[in-house]
Amino acid sequence: MPPPPLFSPPPLRLRHAAAFALVLAAAFALFFLAFSPSTTTSSPPSYGHRLPTLVDLTLVHGAKEKGAVCLDGTPPGYHWMPGFGDGSDKWLLHLEGGSWCRNLTWCDQRKRTSLGSSAYMERAEFVGILSDDQSQNPDFYNWNKVKIRYCDGASFSGNVEEEEQHGTRFFFRGQRIWEAIMTELLPKGLARAKQAFLTGCSAGGLSTYIHCDEFRALLPKDSTVKCLADGGFFLDVEDISGRRYMRGFYNDVARLQHLRKRFPGCSSDMEPGQCFFPQQVAKSITTPMFILNPAYDVWQVEHVLSPDGSDPQNLWQNCRMDITKCDTKQLEILQGFRKSLLDAISEFKKKRDWGMFIDSCFIHCQSMKSLAWHSPSASRINNKTIAEAVGDWFFDRREVKDIDCEYPCNPTCYNVVLEQPYPEE
């Protein structure tokens, strides 16, 4: 805070003291702005004494011959940080997120980004659940860790043989990409893993639901294998205009990439997009699963609850970017959205070996943000950070079914304030 107004010149030594106090106040203000959750944008700062480790990209060997390629036909890629110490025979895989492409126009745009072509992929920062810093990632820091890049547009689930689409070549081969990467990692040590953890956030969280049991089947029967989906429990609910926008979106993705055949257990009287929602996919999972989701997921608030076209007067514009700007009526709708999530996961809460951490924060993909995963300012439920809760569950230290109270009850919440909307694709 600046000093109060002065009405007469103070002595010289007092002026020096005041100047020094002003410098200290400015330094404190800069520190607060840098680390305060309430002022942070969608890219929060990292905690710790060193910068995140950068890991090089590895392209999948022989991917083109297998037809396991990105949207543009380039080989897919991943980043591998070998484990060390007692983590040498333990593996954590993370499936990258990045929404989906619902039509050829959107998929064509993705072909010119890392979400559709490995030609645009660069080295990756390993933070949060991928960090090799014990202070940031106490239970998994020394494991083999792999970040699997996402470039197929349908959560690693499509397998369309045809390449020609209206005169342009597209490769919808997400399932083949998954299989090719697993085939490459198994002889690198994954096949001998004593413990293995499949994780993913956003569209990668949905991928985790889709591939969890397949992952379990690849590994030794006596190994401990579990899965975690972060920010991936997308809801099939009405938006603020009364439409089911997300179901229509998923219908387009499912038709484009022929996904109904990927989910043969899905009822024939359901729309193809309904088969793609986690609530449906998760019903058949037998491997232990951890559901990590904010009750007020910022991506879902923008694209599921109040998507383009649902708010012609832009009444939700400020609320979408900053939950503290939501009015009473909007908060009431958000509380209803939270109830829809709790209702949707209620059947999984009954599964003894499943875990969950549902906080009251306005955020998306918490396991991949060092501040949100495990830091002095991380959100807590029952005085446990997400990293501590996930570790407790994975290692059977306690049962973890942590569900927060309604916003704004949790003062530890890290709530993002967006400078611009989250991209839909």
Protein backbone atom coordinates (compact mmCIF):
# COMPACT_ATOMS: atom_id res chain seq x y z
CA MET A 1 0.00 0.00 0.00
CA PRO A 2 1.32 3.56 -0.76
CA PRO A 3 1.90 5.92 2.21
CA PRO A 4 -0.94 8.30 3.16
CA PRO A 5 -0.95 11.86 1.72
CA LEU A 6 1.53 14.18 3.40
CA PHE A 7 0.61 17.82 3.93
CA SER A 8 4.08 19.13 4.75
CA PRO A 9 7.55 17.97 3.71
CA PRO A 10 8.85 15.41 6.24
CA PRO A 11 12.46 15.25 7.44
CA LEU A 12 14.95 13.74 4.97
CA ARG A 13 15.40 10.46 6.89
CA LEU A 14 11.63 9.96 6.96
CA ARG A 15 11.47 10.55 3.21
CA HIS A 16 14.15 7.86 2.74
CA ALA A 17 12.23 5.47 4.99
CA ALA A 18 9.03 6.17 3.08
CA ALA A 19 10.77 5.49 -0.24
CA PHE A 20 12.14 2.21 1.06
CA ALA A 21 8.67 1.22 2.30
CA LEU A 22 7.21 2.07 -1.11
CA VAL A 23 9.77 -0.20 -2.83
CA LEU A 24 8.88 -3.02 -0.45
CA ALA A 25 5.17 -2.48 -1.09
CA ALA A 26 5.70 -2.53 -4.85
CA ALA A 27 7.70 -5.74 -4.61
CA PHE A 28 4.97 -7.33 -2.52
CA ALA A 29 2.32 -6.18 -4.99
CA LEU A 30 4.25 -7.73 -7.88
CA PHE A 31 4.60 -10.99 -5.95
CA PHE A 32 0.89 -11.01 -5.13
CA LEU A 33 -0.12 -10.35 -8.73
CA ALA A 34 2.18 -13.11 -9.93
CA PHE A 35 0.91 -15.80 -7.58
CA SER A 36 -2.58 -14.87 -6.42
CA PRO A 37 -5.13 -17.39 -7.75
CA SER A 38 -7.76 -14.69 -8.15
CA THR A 39 -5.68 -12.75 -10.67
CA THR A 40 -4.13 -15.58 -12.61
CA THR A 41 -5.07 -16.31 -16.22
CA SER A 42 -5.45 -19.74 -17.78
CA SER A 43 -1.67 -20.31 -17.62
CA PRO A 44 -0.81 -20.35 -13.90
CA PRO A 45 2.74 -19.89 -12.64
CA SER A 46 4.91 -22.80 -11.62
CA TYR A 47 6.10 -23.32 -8.07
CA GLY A 48 9.43 -24.76 -7.11
CA HIS A 49 13.07 -23.76 -7.25
CA ARG A 50 13.77 -24.78 -10.83
CA LEU A 51 12.21 -24.54 -14.24
CA PRO A 52 10.15 -27.48 -15.59
CA THR A 53 12.06 -30.19 -17.41
CA LEU A 54 11.76 -30.04 -21.21
CA VAL A 55 11.45 -33.43 -22.91
CA ASP A 56 12.13 -34.06 -26.60
CA LEU A 57 9.56 -35.43 -29.02
CA THR A 58 9.89 -39.04 -30.23
CA LEU A 59 8.09 -39.97 -33.45
CA VAL A 60 6.56 -43.46 -33.57
CA HIS A 61 8.71 -45.82 -35.60
CA GLY A 62 6.97 -47.40 -38.59
CA ALA A 63 3.74 -45.51 -37.95
CA LYS A 64 3.02 -44.77 -41.60
CA GLU A 65 3.32 -48.42 -42.57
CA LYS A 66 0.72 -49.24 -39.89
CA GLY A 67 -1.56 -46.41 -40.99
CA ALA A 68 -1.23 -45.02 -37.46
CA VAL A 69 -0.94 -41.36 -38.42
CA CYS A 70 -2.15 -37.90 -37.48
CA LEU A 71 -4.92 -36.11 -39.37
CA ASP A 72 -2.45 -34.93 -42.02
CA GLY A 73 -0.65 -38.26 -42.42
CA THR A 74 2.44 -37.43 -40.34
CA PRO A 75 3.59 -39.96 -37.72
CA PRO A 76 2.31 -39.44 -34.16
CA GLY A 77 4.64 -38.67 -31.29
CA TYR A 78 5.26 -38.87 -27.57
CA HIS A 79 7.70 -37.57 -24.95
CA TRP A 80 9.38 -40.06 -22.59
CA MET A 81 11.24 -39.21 -19.40
CA PRO A 82 12.88 -42.40 -18.06
CA GLY A 83 12.32 -43.27 -14.42
CA PHE A 84 15.06 -43.51 -11.82
CA GLY A 85 15.68 -45.05 -8.42
CA ASP A 86 12.76 -47.09 -7.17
CA GLY A 87 10.62 -45.59 -9.96
CA SER A 88 12.54 -47.38 -12.72
CA ASP A 89 9.93 -50.14 -13.05
CA LYS A 90 6.90 -47.87 -12.66
CA TRP A 91 5.15 -46.08 -15.52
CA LEU A 92 2.80 -43.10 -15.78
CA LEU A 93 1.30 -42.29 -19.18
CA HIS A 94 -0.55 -39.05 -19.88
CA LEU A 95 -2.90 -38.57 -22.83
CA GLU A 96 -2.89 -35.00 -24.11
CA GLY A 97 -6.18 -33.11 -24.49
CA GLY A 98 -7.37 -30.55 -27.01
CA SER A 99 -11.12 -30.86 -27.79
CA TRP A 100 -12.28 -32.55 -31.02
CA CYS A 101 -13.01 -31.65 -34.64
CA ARG A 102 -16.64 -32.08 -35.61
CA ASN A 103 -16.41 -31.54 -39.37
CA LEU A 104 -13.87 -31.48 -42.19
CA THR A 105 -13.40 -27.71 -41.95
CA TRP A 106 -12.40 -27.96 -38.31
CA CYS A 107 -10.23 -31.00 -38.95
CA ASP A 108 -8.51 -29.19 -41.81
CA GLN A 109 -7.68 -26.30 -39.47
CA ARG A 110 -6.19 -28.76 -36.97
CA LYS A 111 -3.94 -30.22 -39.68
CA ARG A 112 -1.97 -26.98 -39.47
CA THR A 113 -1.41 -27.27 -35.71
CA SER A 114 0.11 -29.77 -33.28
CA LEU A 115 -3.42 -31.13 -32.73
CA GLY A 116 -3.40 -32.57 -36.24
CA SER A 117 0.21 -32.86 -37.32
CA SER A 118 3.48 -33.85 -35.66
CA ALA A 119 5.20 -31.30 -37.94
CA TYR A 120 4.11 -28.66 -35.42
CA MET A 121 4.96 -30.54 -32.23
CA GLU A 122 7.82 -29.26 -30.08
CA ARG A 123 9.47 -30.25 -26.82
CA ALA A 124 7.09 -30.59 -23.88
CA GLU A 125 7.23 -29.15 -20.37
CA PHE A 126 6.74 -31.85 -17.75
CA VAL A 127 4.77 -30.20 -14.94
CA GLY A 128 2.16 -31.27 -12.40
CA ILE A 129 1.63 -35.03 -12.48
CA LEU A 130 4.50 -35.31 -15.02
CA SER A 131 7.03 -33.33 -12.95
CA ASP A 132 10.28 -34.95 -11.85
CA ASP A 133 10.50 -32.56 -8.89
CA GLN A 134 9.61 -34.40 -5.68
CA SER A 135 8.33 -31.21 -4.04
CA GLN A 136 5.80 -30.76 -6.87
CA ASN A 137 4.96 -34.41 -7.50
CA PRO A 138 5.68 -36.39 -4.31
CA ASP A 139 4.36 -39.83 -5.34
CA PHE A 140 5.26 -40.09 -9.03
CA TYR A 141 8.29 -37.83 -9.53
CA ASN A 142 10.80 -40.62 -10.31
CA TRP A 143 8.56 -42.84 -12.44
CA ASN A 144 8.91 -43.37 -16.17
CA LYS A 145 6.59 -40.69 -17.52
CA VAL A 146 5.22 -40.43 -21.05
CA LYS A 147 3.18 -37.62 -22.55
CA ILE A 148 1.28 -38.95 -25.59
CA ARG A 149 0.50 -36.25 -28.13
CA TYR A 150 -3.05 -35.89 -29.44
CA CYS A 151 -3.43 -35.43 -33.21
CA ASP A 152 -6.46 -37.44 -34.38
CA GLY A 153 -9.37 -35.19 -33.35
CA ALA A 154 -11.48 -37.89 -31.65
CA SER A 155 -9.80 -38.89 -28.37
CA PHE A 156 -7.73 -41.72 -29.90
CA SER A 157 -10.86 -43.62 -30.93
CA GLY A 158 -11.37 -43.42 -34.72
CA ASN A 159 -10.26 -46.03 -37.25
CA VAL A 160 -11.56 -45.04 -40.68
CA GLU A 161 -9.97 -46.88 -43.58
CA GLU A 162 -10.83 -44.33 -46.28
CA GLU A 163 -8.42 -41.45 -46.66
CA GLU A 164 -10.23 -39.33 -49.28
CA GLN A 165 -12.88 -36.97 -47.90
CA HIS A 166 -14.46 -34.66 -50.49
CA GLY A 167 -11.25 -34.36 -52.46
CA THR A 168 -8.98 -33.88 -49.44
CA ARG A 169 -6.99 -36.49 -47.53
CA PHE A 170 -7.78 -36.95 -43.85
CA PHE A 171 -6.61 -39.75 -41.59
CA PHE A 172 -8.97 -40.64 -38.75
CA ARG A 173 -6.74 -43.21 -37.06
CA GLY A 174 -6.74 -42.48 -33.34
CA GLN A 175 -7.24 -46.09 -32.31
CA ARG A 176 -4.28 -47.16 -34.45
CA ILE A 177 -2.17 -44.36 -32.93
CA TRP A 178 -2.98 -45.67 -29.44
CA GLU A 179 -2.04 -49.21 -30.44
CA ALA A 180 1.18 -48.16 -32.22
CA ILE A 181 2.40 -46.14 -29.25
CA MET A 182 1.63 -48.96 -26.81
CA THR A 183 3.48 -51.39 -29.11
CA GLU A 184 6.52 -49.11 -29.01
CA LEU A 185 6.48 -48.50 -25.25
CA LEU A 186 5.98 -52.10 -24.12
CA PRO A 187 9.52 -53.29 -25.04
CA LYS A 188 11.00 -50.09 -23.55
CA GLY A 189 9.97 -51.40 -20.13
CA LEU A 190 6.22 -50.82 -19.91
CA ALA A 191 5.59 -54.57 -20.33
CA ARG A 192 7.53 -55.21 -17.10
CA ALA A 193 5.91 -52.44 -15.06
CA LYS A 194 5.25 -53.28 -11.42
CA GLN A 195 2.90 -50.31 -11.20
CA ALA A 196 1.29 -48.38 -14.06
CA PHE A 197 -0.98 -45.36 -14.21
CA LEU A 198 -2.87 -44.16 -17.31
CA THR A 199 -3.91 -40.52 -17.03
CA GLY A 200 -5.20 -37.77 -19.29
CA CYS A 201 -6.89 -34.39 -19.16
CA SER A 202 -9.83 -32.89 -21.09
CA ALA A 203 -10.23 -34.80 -24.38
CA GLY A 204 -7.33 -36.91 -23.06
CA GLY A 205 -9.42 -37.57 -19.95
CA LEU A 206 -12.15 -38.97 -22.19
CA SER A 207 -9.43 -41.03 -23.93
CA THR A 208 -8.49 -42.43 -20.54
CA TYR A 209 -12.04 -43.66 -19.95
CA ILE A 210 -12.05 -45.19 -23.44
CA HIS A 211 -8.68 -46.98 -23.16
CA CYS A 212 -8.40 -47.77 -19.43
CA ASP A 213 -9.31 -51.46 -19.68
CA GLU A 214 -7.22 -51.89 -22.85
CA PHE A 215 -4.25 -50.50 -20.94
CA ARG A 216 -4.83 -52.93 -18.06
CA ALA A 217 -4.96 -55.86 -20.52
CA LEU A 218 -1.48 -55.03 -21.87
CA LEU A 219 0.28 -55.36 -18.52
CA PRO A 220 1.22 -58.25 -16.20
CA LYS A 221 -1.67 -59.59 -14.14
CA ASP A 222 0.28 -59.16 -10.91
CA SER A 223 1.05 -55.48 -11.57
CA THR A 224 -0.97 -52.63 -10.06
CA VAL A 225 -2.73 -50.74 -12.85
CA LYS A 226 -5.09 -47.80 -12.38
CA CYS A 227 -6.40 -44.86 -14.40
CA LEU A 228 -7.15 -41.17 -13.79
CA ALA A 229 -9.32 -38.89 -15.92
CA ASP A 230 -8.82 -35.18 -15.23
CA GLY A 231 -11.45 -32.70 -16.43
CA GLY A 232 -12.77 -35.37 -18.79
CA PHE A 233 -16.26 -36.02 -17.42
CA PHE A 234 -18.18 -34.04 -20.05
CA LEU A 235 -21.90 -33.81 -19.36
CA ASP A 236 -24.85 -34.55 -21.63
CA VAL A 237 -27.03 -31.69 -20.37
CA GLU A 238 -29.14 -28.89 -21.79
CA ASP A 239 -27.38 -25.58 -22.31
CA ILE A 240 -28.84 -22.23 -21.20
CA SER A 241 -30.99 -22.06 -24.37
CA GLY A 242 -32.52 -25.50 -23.78
CA ARG A 243 -30.55 -27.32 -26.50
CA ARG A 244 -28.21 -30.25 -25.97
CA TYR A 245 -25.34 -28.58 -27.77
CA MET A 246 -22.67 -31.03 -26.62
CA ARG A 247 -24.69 -34.03 -27.77
CA GLY A 248 -24.99 -32.49 -31.22
CA PHE A 249 -21.25 -31.80 -31.21
CA TYR A 250 -20.45 -35.40 -30.27
CA ASN A 251 -22.94 -36.68 -32.87
CA ASP A 252 -20.91 -34.88 -35.54
CA VAL A 253 -17.60 -36.29 -34.25
CA ALA A 254 -19.04 -39.80 -34.01
CA ARG A 255 -20.47 -39.74 -37.54
CA LEU A 256 -17.32 -38.22 -39.05
CA GLN A 257 -15.03 -40.86 -37.54
CA HIS A 258 -17.48 -43.82 -37.57
CA LEU A 259 -17.38 -44.16 -33.79
CA ARG A 260 -20.55 -46.15 -33.20
CA LYS A 261 -18.70 -49.35 -34.14
CA ARG A 262 -16.04 -48.40 -31.54
CA PHE A 263 -18.66 -48.71 -28.79
CA PRO A 264 -20.63 -51.87 -29.61
CA GLY A 265 -22.13 -51.94 -26.12
CA CYS A 266 -23.92 -48.66 -26.73
CA SER A 267 -27.69 -49.06 -27.08
CA SER A 268 -29.02 -48.96 -30.63
CA ASP A 269 -31.75 -46.50 -29.66
CA MET A 270 -29.16 -43.92 -28.55
CA GLU A 271 -27.79 -41.19 -30.78
CA PRO A 272 -24.18 -41.92 -31.84
CA GLY A 273 -22.83 -39.00 -29.80
CA GLN A 274 -24.37 -40.32 -26.60
CA CYS A 275 -22.04 -43.33 -26.78
CA PHE A 276 -19.07 -40.93 -26.56
CA PHE A 277 -19.98 -39.37 -23.20
CA PRO A 278 -17.91 -40.56 -20.22
CA GLN A 279 -21.03 -41.48 -18.26
CA GLN A 280 -21.73 -44.16 -20.88
CA VAL A 281 -18.13 -45.22 -21.54
CA ALA A 282 -17.31 -45.57 -17.84
CA LYS A 283 -20.15 -48.01 -17.15
CA SER A 284 -18.18 -50.90 -18.63
CA ILE A 285 -14.78 -50.09 -17.04
CA THR A 286 -13.50 -52.77 -14.65
CA THR A 287 -10.08 -51.22 -13.88
CA PRO A 288 -9.88 -48.88 -10.85
CA MET A 289 -10.54 -45.32 -12.00
CA PHE A 290 -10.09 -41.90 -10.38
CA ILE A 291 -12.45 -39.09 -11.44
CA LEU A 292 -10.81 -35.69 -11.03
CA ASN A 293 -13.16 -32.88 -12.01
CA PRO A 294 -13.97 -29.37 -10.87
CA ALA A 295 -17.69 -28.93 -10.23
CA TYR A 296 -17.49 -25.70 -12.24
CA ASP A 297 -15.24 -26.78 -15.10
CA VAL A 298 -14.39 -23.56 -16.95
CA TRP A 299 -14.25 -25.29 -20.36
CA GLN A 300 -17.64 -26.90 -19.85
CA VAL A 301 -19.22 -23.69 -18.56
CA GLU A 302 -18.19 -22.06 -21.82
CA HIS A 303 -18.79 -24.85 -24.33
CA VAL A 304 -21.38 -27.17 -22.74
CA LEU A 305 -23.49 -24.86 -20.59
CA SER A 306 -23.29 -21.56 -22.52
CA PRO A 307 -21.92 -22.35 -26.00
CA ASP A 308 -21.97 -20.12 -29.08
CA GLY A 309 -25.52 -19.37 -30.13
CA SER A 310 -27.02 -20.01 -26.70
CA ASP A 311 -26.43 -16.47 -25.46
CA PRO A 312 -27.23 -13.98 -28.27
CA GLN A 313 -27.19 -11.01 -25.88
CA ASN A 314 -23.79 -12.00 -24.42
CA LEU A 315 -25.20 -11.96 -20.89
CA TRP A 316 -22.82 -14.79 -19.92
CA GLN A 317 -19.68 -13.26 -21.40
CA ASN A 318 -18.18 -12.04 -18.11
CA CYS A 319 -19.34 -15.09 -16.14
CA ARG A 320 -17.64 -17.44 -18.63
CA MET A 321 -14.31 -15.71 -18.04
CA ASP A 322 -14.46 -15.11 -14.30
CA ILE A 323 -16.79 -16.90 -11.89
CA THR A 324 -16.73 -13.93 -9.53
CA LYS A 325 -18.53 -11.94 -12.28
CA CYS A 326 -21.51 -14.34 -12.36
CA ASP A 327 -24.78 -12.84 -11.11
CA THR A 328 -27.22 -14.54 -8.74
CA LYS A 329 -29.23 -16.21 -11.51
CA GLN A 330 -26.09 -17.47 -13.26
CA LEU A 331 -24.74 -18.88 -10.00
CA GLU A 332 -28.04 -20.69 -9.52
CA ILE A 333 -27.63 -22.27 -12.96
CA LEU A 334 -24.02 -23.20 -12.13
CA GLN A 335 -25.17 -24.91 -8.94
CA GLY A 336 -27.61 -26.91 -11.07
CA PHE A 337 -24.71 -27.84 -13.37
CA ARG A 338 -22.75 -29.06 -10.33
CA LYS A 339 -25.74 -31.18 -9.28
CA SER A 340 -25.86 -32.72 -12.78
CA LEU A 341 -22.22 -33.76 -12.39
CA LEU A 342 -22.79 -35.26 -8.94
CA ASP A 343 -25.85 -37.15 -10.21
CA ALA A 344 -23.87 -38.47 -13.21
CA ILE A 345 -21.01 -39.80 -11.08
CA SER A 346 -23.19 -41.15 -8.27
CA GLU A 347 -23.15 -44.72 -9.66
CA PHE A 348 -19.33 -44.65 -9.78
CA LYS A 349 -19.09 -43.34 -6.24
CA LYS A 350 -20.47 -46.71 -5.12
CA LYS A 351 -17.52 -48.59 -6.65
CA ARG A 352 -15.20 -49.43 -3.79
CA ASP A 353 -11.94 -49.30 -5.74
CA TRP A 354 -12.77 -46.06 -7.59
CA GLY A 355 -11.73 -42.65 -6.30
CA MET A 356 -12.82 -39.08 -6.92
CA PHE A 357 -11.88 -35.52 -6.13
CA ILE A 358 -14.59 -33.01 -7.09
CA ASP A 359 -13.59 -29.54 -5.96
CA SER A 360 -15.54 -26.29 -6.17
CA CYS A 361 -13.04 -24.52 -8.39
CA PHE A 362 -13.38 -22.69 -11.72
CA ILE A 363 -10.59 -24.38 -13.66
CA HIS A 364 -9.85 -27.12 -16.22
CA CYS A 365 -7.13 -29.81 -16.27
CA GLN A 366 -5.76 -29.53 -12.73
CA SER A 367 -3.23 -32.37 -12.90
CA MET A 368 -1.24 -30.52 -15.56
CA LYS A 369 -0.94 -27.24 -13.64
CA SER A 370 1.81 -27.26 -11.04
CA LEU A 371 0.00 -24.69 -8.93
CA ALA A 372 -3.25 -26.68 -8.87
CA TRP A 373 -1.69 -30.17 -8.59
CA HIS A 374 0.49 -29.65 -5.52
CA SER A 375 1.71 -26.28 -4.26
CA PRO A 376 1.26 -23.97 -1.27
CA SER A 377 -1.71 -22.41 -3.11
CA ALA A 378 -3.30 -25.62 -4.42
CA SER A 379 -6.97 -26.23 -3.71
CA ARG A 380 -7.66 -28.66 -0.90
CA ILE A 381 -10.48 -30.87 0.30
CA ASN A 382 -10.14 -32.23 3.84
CA ASN A 383 -6.76 -30.45 3.90
CA LYS A 384 -5.43 -32.65 1.05
CA THR A 385 -4.13 -31.36 -2.28
CA ILE A 386 -5.12 -33.19 -5.46
CA ALA A 387 -1.67 -34.81 -5.63
CA GLU A 388 -2.00 -36.07 -2.05
CA ALA A 389 -5.53 -37.38 -2.63
CA VAL A 390 -4.54 -39.19 -5.86
CA GLY A 391 -1.47 -40.68 -4.17
CA ASP A 392 -3.53 -41.83 -1.17
CA TRP A 393 -5.94 -43.57 -3.55
CA PHE A 394 -3.36 -45.12 -5.87
CA PHE A 395 -1.33 -46.59 -3.02
CA ASP A 396 -4.40 -47.60 -0.98
CA ARG A 397 -3.50 -45.34 1.93
CA ARG A 398 -7.17 -44.43 2.35
CA GLU A 399 -10.48 -44.44 0.49
CA VAL A 400 -10.80 -41.21 -1.49
CA LYS A 401 -14.31 -40.00 -2.34
CA ASP A 402 -13.69 -36.29 -1.79
CA ILE A 403 -16.57 -34.05 -2.88
CA ASP A 404 -16.41 -30.35 -2.09
CA CYS A 405 -19.21 -28.08 -0.90
CA GLU A 406 -20.80 -25.51 -3.26
CA TYR A 407 -18.96 -22.47 -4.60
CA PRO A 408 -17.82 -20.19 -3.01
CA CYS A 409 -17.33 -22.31 0.10
CA ASN A 410 -13.70 -23.37 -0.45
CA PRO A 411 -11.20 -20.55 0.22
CA THR A 412 -8.29 -22.65 -1.08
CA CYS A 413 -9.73 -22.87 -4.60
CA TYR A 414 -7.57 -21.85 -7.50
CA ASN A 415 -10.04 -20.09 -9.84
CA VAL A 416 -8.77 -19.05 -13.24
CA VAL A 417 -9.55 -15.66 -14.72
CA LEU A 418 -9.38 -15.92 -18.48
CA GLU A 419 -8.07 -13.15 -20.66
CA GLN A 420 -9.78 -14.75 -23.66
CA PRO A 421 -12.22 -17.64 -24.10
CA TYR A 422 -11.03 -21.23 -24.09
CA PRO A 423 -10.79 -22.47 -27.70
CA GLU A 424 -13.46 -24.96 -28.68
CA GLU A 425 -11.16 -26.72 -31.13
